[in-house]
Amino acid sequence: MGVALLLVRHAHAGARKDWQGEDRLRPLSARGRRQAEGLVALAEPFACQRMLSSPYERCLATLRPLAEHLSLRVEPLEELAEGNATSALALVRTLVDEKVAVCTHGDVLAEVLVALADEDCLELGERPRQAKGSTWVLESRDGRFAAASYLPPSEASTGR
């Protein structure tokens, strides 16, 4: 296996229509917080050295437990915000040989995956999934993404 980049869709944040404030500030739901905690165990084997995120609160909060576990900080980047798929793809390409977790939105994640499947001949399966809180593990070799695997969201047990 080569170096792996983790491409994470933000965890569950509840319905946009039910949130009264600025959408960038919409927090994770209780379910989303459990998914963010569950990401710690899912991502630990990949030894991420950086955490990059959309500046939206739901993305930052998705990576926060993992970043704290690894004693890293979450770096907010506008390139990973909603509607920025072109910028996100360019950013992901620069990270091909880094051990990094990248958290973004469904629209961005879908377009990045389609581009990588097309340009790098990355096999995503017949029906690529992208549930909230899920992760795509993108393995690289020789400066290119060579393999992809899907990890469904995992909700940490809260003991309640």
C-alpha atoms as a PDB file:
ATOM      1  CA  MET A   1       0.000   0.000   0.000  1.00  0.00           C
ATOM      2  CA  GLY A   2       1.183   3.510  -0.771  1.00  0.00           C
ATOM      3  CA  VAL A   3       0.394   6.687   1.134  1.00  0.00           C
ATOM      4  CA  ALA A   4      -3.293   7.199   1.910  1.00  0.00           C
ATOM      5  CA  LEU A   5      -5.302  10.415   1.782  1.00  0.00           C
ATOM      6  CA  LEU A   6      -8.611  10.280   3.665  1.00  0.00           C
ATOM      7  CA  LEU A   7     -11.396  12.146   1.872  1.00  0.00           C
ATOM      8  CA  VAL A   8     -14.162  12.644   4.454  1.00  0.00           C
ATOM      9  CA  ARG A   9     -17.707  13.879   3.941  1.00  0.00           C
ATOM     10  CA  HIS A  10     -18.780  15.925   6.938  1.00  0.00           C
ATOM     11  CA  ALA A  11     -20.828  14.105   9.542  1.00  0.00           C
ATOM     12  CA  HIS A  12     -24.587  14.515   9.994  1.00  0.00           C
ATOM     13  CA  ALA A  13     -25.588  18.104  10.697  1.00  0.00           C
ATOM     14  CA  GLY A  14     -29.369  18.038  10.533  1.00  0.00           C
ATOM     15  CA  ALA A  15     -31.520  19.635   7.867  1.00  0.00           C
ATOM     16  CA  ARG A  16     -30.450  22.950   6.371  1.00  0.00           C
ATOM     17  CA  LYS A  17     -34.084  24.117   6.421  1.00  0.00           C
ATOM     18  CA  ASP A  18     -34.290  23.585  10.193  1.00  0.00           C
ATOM     19  CA  TRP A  19     -31.239  25.759  10.933  1.00  0.00           C
ATOM     20  CA  GLN A  20     -32.030  29.439  11.532  1.00  0.00           C
ATOM     21  CA  GLY A  21     -28.516  30.879  11.429  1.00  0.00           C
ATOM     22  CA  GLU A  22     -25.784  31.295   8.815  1.00  0.00           C
ATOM     23  CA  ASP A  23     -25.312  27.927   7.085  1.00  0.00           C
ATOM     24  CA  ARG A  24     -21.522  28.052   7.537  1.00  0.00           C
ATOM     25  CA  LEU A  25     -22.175  27.894  11.291  1.00  0.00           C
ATOM     26  CA  ARG A  26     -24.580  24.928  11.239  1.00  0.00           C
ATOM     27  CA  PRO A  27     -23.296  22.453  13.856  1.00  0.00           C
ATOM     28  CA  LEU A  28     -23.227  18.681  13.871  1.00  0.00           C
ATOM     29  CA  SER A  29     -26.269  16.885  15.230  1.00  0.00           C
ATOM     30  CA  ALA A  30     -25.943  14.405  18.109  1.00  0.00           C
ATOM     31  CA  ARG A  31     -25.648  11.670  15.474  1.00  0.00           C
ATOM     32  CA  GLY A  32     -22.975  13.691  13.666  1.00  0.00           C
ATOM     33  CA  ARG A  33     -20.975  14.105  16.873  1.00  0.00           C
ATOM     34  CA  ARG A  34     -21.030  10.315  17.323  1.00  0.00           C
ATOM     35  CA  GLN A  35     -19.890   9.893  13.707  1.00  0.00           C
ATOM     36  CA  ALA A  36     -17.035  12.374  14.288  1.00  0.00           C
ATOM     37  CA  GLU A  37     -15.969  10.415  17.374  1.00  0.00           C
ATOM     38  CA  GLY A  38     -16.216   7.179  15.354  1.00  0.00           C
ATOM     39  CA  LEU A  39     -13.844   8.607  12.758  1.00  0.00           C
ATOM     40  CA  VAL A  40     -11.020   8.421  15.325  1.00  0.00           C
ATOM     41  CA  ALA A  41     -10.951   4.604  15.291  1.00  0.00           C
ATOM     42  CA  LEU A  42     -11.541   4.400  11.518  1.00  0.00           C
ATOM     43  CA  ALA A  43      -8.712   6.794  10.673  1.00  0.00           C
ATOM     44  CA  GLU A  44      -6.131   5.820  13.280  1.00  0.00           C
ATOM     45  CA  PRO A  45      -4.448   3.105  11.153  1.00  0.00           C
ATOM     46  CA  PHE A  46      -3.661   5.688   8.450  1.00  0.00           C
ATOM     47  CA  ALA A  47      -1.421   7.857  10.689  1.00  0.00           C
ATOM     48  CA  CYS A  48      -2.565  11.205   9.288  1.00  0.00           C
ATOM     49  CA  GLN A  49      -0.085  14.023   9.737  1.00  0.00           C
ATOM     50  CA  ARG A  50      -2.382  16.896   8.670  1.00  0.00           C
ATOM     51  CA  MET A  51      -6.081  17.757   8.954  1.00  0.00           C
ATOM     52  CA  LEU A  52      -7.559  19.996   6.250  1.00  0.00           C
ATOM     53  CA  SER A  53     -11.180  21.105   6.261  1.00  0.00           C
ATOM     54  CA  SER A  54     -13.792  23.285   4.694  1.00  0.00           C
ATOM     55  CA  PRO A  55     -14.211  26.340   6.950  1.00  0.00           C
ATOM     56  CA  TYR A  56     -17.856  25.359   7.602  1.00  0.00           C
ATOM     57  CA  GLU A  57     -18.409  24.391  11.248  1.00  0.00           C
ATOM     58  CA  ARG A  58     -19.852  20.955  10.406  1.00  0.00           C
ATOM     59  CA  CYS A  59     -16.635  20.028   8.562  1.00  0.00           C
ATOM     60  CA  LEU A  60     -14.318  21.428  11.216  1.00  0.00           C
ATOM     61  CA  ALA A  61     -16.288  19.590  13.922  1.00  0.00           C
ATOM     62  CA  THR A  62     -16.100  16.334  11.963  1.00  0.00           C
ATOM     63  CA  LEU A  63     -12.286  16.342  12.080  1.00  0.00           C
ATOM     64  CA  ARG A  64     -11.862  17.889  15.539  1.00  0.00           C
ATOM     65  CA  PRO A  65     -11.955  14.631  17.599  1.00  0.00           C
ATOM     66  CA  LEU A  66      -9.426  12.966  15.277  1.00  0.00           C
ATOM     67  CA  ALA A  67      -7.181  16.029  15.285  1.00  0.00           C
ATOM     68  CA  GLU A  68      -7.272  16.168  19.093  1.00  0.00           C
ATOM     69  CA  HIS A  69      -6.498  12.445  19.293  1.00  0.00           C
ATOM     70  CA  LEU A  70      -3.459  12.932  17.037  1.00  0.00           C
ATOM     71  CA  SER A  71      -2.415  16.258  18.633  1.00  0.00           C
ATOM     72  CA  LEU A  72      -2.917  18.069  15.327  1.00  0.00           C
ATOM     73  CA  ARG A  73      -4.838  21.199  14.449  1.00  0.00           C
ATOM     74  CA  VAL A  74      -7.577  21.387  11.838  1.00  0.00           C
ATOM     75  CA  GLU A  75      -6.580  23.767   9.034  1.00  0.00           C
ATOM     76  CA  PRO A  76      -9.628  25.519   7.484  1.00  0.00           C
ATOM     77  CA  LEU A  77      -9.315  26.050   3.730  1.00  0.00           C
ATOM     78  CA  GLU A  78     -11.795  27.889   1.527  1.00  0.00           C
ATOM     79  CA  GLU A  79     -10.832  25.548  -1.362  1.00  0.00           C
ATOM     80  CA  LEU A  80     -12.820  22.813   0.423  1.00  0.00           C
ATOM     81  CA  ALA A  81     -16.005  24.872   0.948  1.00  0.00           C
ATOM     82  CA  GLU A  82     -19.303  24.066  -0.739  1.00  0.00           C
ATOM     83  CA  GLY A  83     -19.301  24.794  -4.461  1.00  0.00           C
ATOM     84  CA  ASN A  84     -15.501  24.756  -4.761  1.00  0.00           C
ATOM     85  CA  ALA A  85     -14.983  21.379  -6.433  1.00  0.00           C
ATOM     86  CA  THR A  86     -12.458  22.665  -8.977  1.00  0.00           C
ATOM     87  CA  SER A  87     -10.311  24.238  -6.259  1.00  0.00           C
ATOM     88  CA  ALA A  88     -10.729  21.175  -4.043  1.00  0.00           C
ATOM     89  CA  LEU A  89      -9.572  18.846  -6.817  1.00  0.00           C
ATOM     90  CA  ALA A  90      -6.489  20.996  -7.433  1.00  0.00           C
ATOM     91  CA  LEU A  91      -5.742  20.919  -3.697  1.00  0.00           C
ATOM     92  CA  VAL A  92      -6.226  17.146  -3.430  1.00  0.00           C
ATOM     93  CA  ARG A  93      -3.819  16.665  -6.337  1.00  0.00           C
ATOM     94  CA  THR A  94      -1.113  18.553  -4.404  1.00  0.00           C
ATOM     95  CA  LEU A  95      -1.639  16.194  -1.445  1.00  0.00           C
ATOM     96  CA  VAL A  96      -1.160  12.958  -3.385  1.00  0.00           C
ATOM     97  CA  ASP A  97       1.876  11.848  -1.382  1.00  0.00           C
ATOM     98  CA  GLU A  98       0.798  13.139   2.053  1.00  0.00           C
ATOM     99  CA  LYS A  99      -0.832  11.348   4.981  1.00  0.00           C
ATOM    100  CA  VAL A 100      -3.724  13.756   5.360  1.00  0.00           C
ATOM    101  CA  ALA A 101      -7.421  13.812   6.246  1.00  0.00           C
ATOM    102  CA  VAL A 102      -9.499  16.198   4.126  1.00  0.00           C
ATOM    103  CA  CYS A 103     -13.086  17.039   5.117  1.00  0.00           C
ATOM    104  CA  THR A 104     -15.509  18.602   2.675  1.00  0.00           C
ATOM    105  CA  HIS A 105     -19.129  18.604   1.470  1.00  0.00           C
ATOM    106  CA  GLY A 106     -21.133  16.132  -0.602  1.00  0.00           C
ATOM    107  CA  ASP A 107     -21.125  18.226  -3.784  1.00  0.00           C
ATOM    108  CA  VAL A 108     -17.350  18.699  -3.647  1.00  0.00           C
ATOM    109  CA  LEU A 109     -16.614  15.093  -2.712  1.00  0.00           C
ATOM    110  CA  ALA A 110     -18.718  13.746  -5.599  1.00  0.00           C
ATOM    111  CA  GLU A 111     -16.992  15.918  -8.190  1.00  0.00           C
ATOM    112  CA  VAL A 112     -13.516  15.144  -6.855  1.00  0.00           C
ATOM    113  CA  LEU A 113     -14.223  11.401  -6.967  1.00  0.00           C
ATOM    114  CA  VAL A 114     -15.620  11.578 -10.508  1.00  0.00           C
ATOM    115  CA  ALA A 115     -12.560  13.511 -11.690  1.00  0.00           C
ATOM    116  CA  LEU A 116     -10.136  11.071 -10.030  1.00  0.00           C
ATOM    117  CA  ALA A 117     -12.027   8.086 -11.457  1.00  0.00           C
ATOM    118  CA  ASP A 118     -11.851   9.622 -14.920  1.00  0.00           C
ATOM    119  CA  GLU A 119      -8.339  11.084 -14.884  1.00  0.00           C
ATOM    120  CA  ASP A 120      -6.527   8.474 -12.760  1.00  0.00           C
ATOM    121  CA  CYS A 121      -8.669   5.478 -13.767  1.00  0.00           C
ATOM    122  CA  LEU A 122      -9.526   5.090 -10.104  1.00  0.00           C
ATOM    123  CA  GLU A 123     -12.012   2.253  -9.563  1.00  0.00           C
ATOM    124  CA  LEU A 124     -14.845   3.405  -7.280  1.00  0.00           C
ATOM    125  CA  GLY A 125     -17.211   0.503  -7.764  1.00  0.00           C
ATOM    126  CA  GLU A 126     -20.515   0.364  -9.568  1.00  0.00           C
ATOM    127  CA  ARG A 127     -22.362   2.732  -7.219  1.00  0.00           C
ATOM    128  CA  PRO A 128     -19.919   4.963  -5.334  1.00  0.00           C
ATOM    129  CA  ARG A 129     -21.336   5.961  -1.973  1.00  0.00           C
ATOM    130  CA  GLN A 130     -20.847   9.130   0.007  1.00  0.00           C
ATOM    131  CA  ALA A 131     -22.964   8.996   3.156  1.00  0.00           C
ATOM    132  CA  LYS A 132     -22.540  11.793   5.672  1.00  0.00           C
ATOM    133  CA  GLY A 133     -19.638  10.920   7.946  1.00  0.00           C
ATOM    134  CA  SER A 134     -18.150   8.442   5.466  1.00  0.00           C
ATOM    135  CA  THR A 135     -14.559   8.316   4.259  1.00  0.00           C
ATOM    136  CA  TRP A 136     -12.877   7.443   0.979  1.00  0.00           C
ATOM    137  CA  VAL A 137      -9.345   6.118   1.421  1.00  0.00           C
ATOM    138  CA  LEU A 138      -7.328   7.212  -1.622  1.00  0.00           C
ATOM    139  CA  GLU A 139      -4.030   5.342  -1.900  1.00  0.00           C
ATOM    140  CA  SER A 140      -1.248   6.835  -3.957  1.00  0.00           C
ATOM    141  CA  ARG A 141       1.747   5.411  -5.728  1.00  0.00           C
ATOM    142  CA  ASP A 142       4.335   7.286  -7.749  1.00  0.00           C
ATOM    143  CA  GLY A 143       2.507  10.634  -7.521  1.00  0.00           C
ATOM    144  CA  ARG A 144      -0.898   9.323  -8.653  1.00  0.00           C
ATOM    145  CA  PHE A 145      -3.975   8.007  -6.918  1.00  0.00           C
ATOM    146  CA  ALA A 146      -3.962   4.270  -7.582  1.00  0.00           C
ATOM    147  CA  ALA A 147      -6.691   2.733  -5.413  1.00  0.00           C
ATOM    148  CA  ALA A 148      -9.795   3.814  -3.536  1.00  0.00           C
ATOM    149  CA  SER A 149     -11.860   2.160  -0.842  1.00  0.00           C
ATOM    150  CA  TYR A 150     -14.995   3.299   0.945  1.00  0.00           C
ATOM    151  CA  LEU A 151     -15.419   3.314   4.727  1.00  0.00           C
ATOM    152  CA  PRO A 152     -19.009   3.849   5.878  1.00  0.00           C
ATOM    153  CA  PRO A 153     -19.597   6.159   8.839  1.00  0.00           C
ATOM    154  CA  SER A 154     -19.015   4.678  12.255  1.00  0.00           C
ATOM    155  CA  GLU A 155     -20.824   6.040  15.278  1.00  0.00           C
ATOM    156  CA  ALA A 156     -18.834   5.903  18.499  1.00  0.00           C
ATOM    157  CA  SER A 157     -20.651   4.436  21.449  1.00  0.00           C
ATOM    158  CA  THR A 158     -21.407   7.069  24.043  1.00  0.00           C
ATOM    159  CA  GLY A 159     -22.274   4.582  26.762  1.00  0.00           C
ATOM    160  CA  ARG A 160     -25.733   6.106  27.141  1.00  0.00           C
END
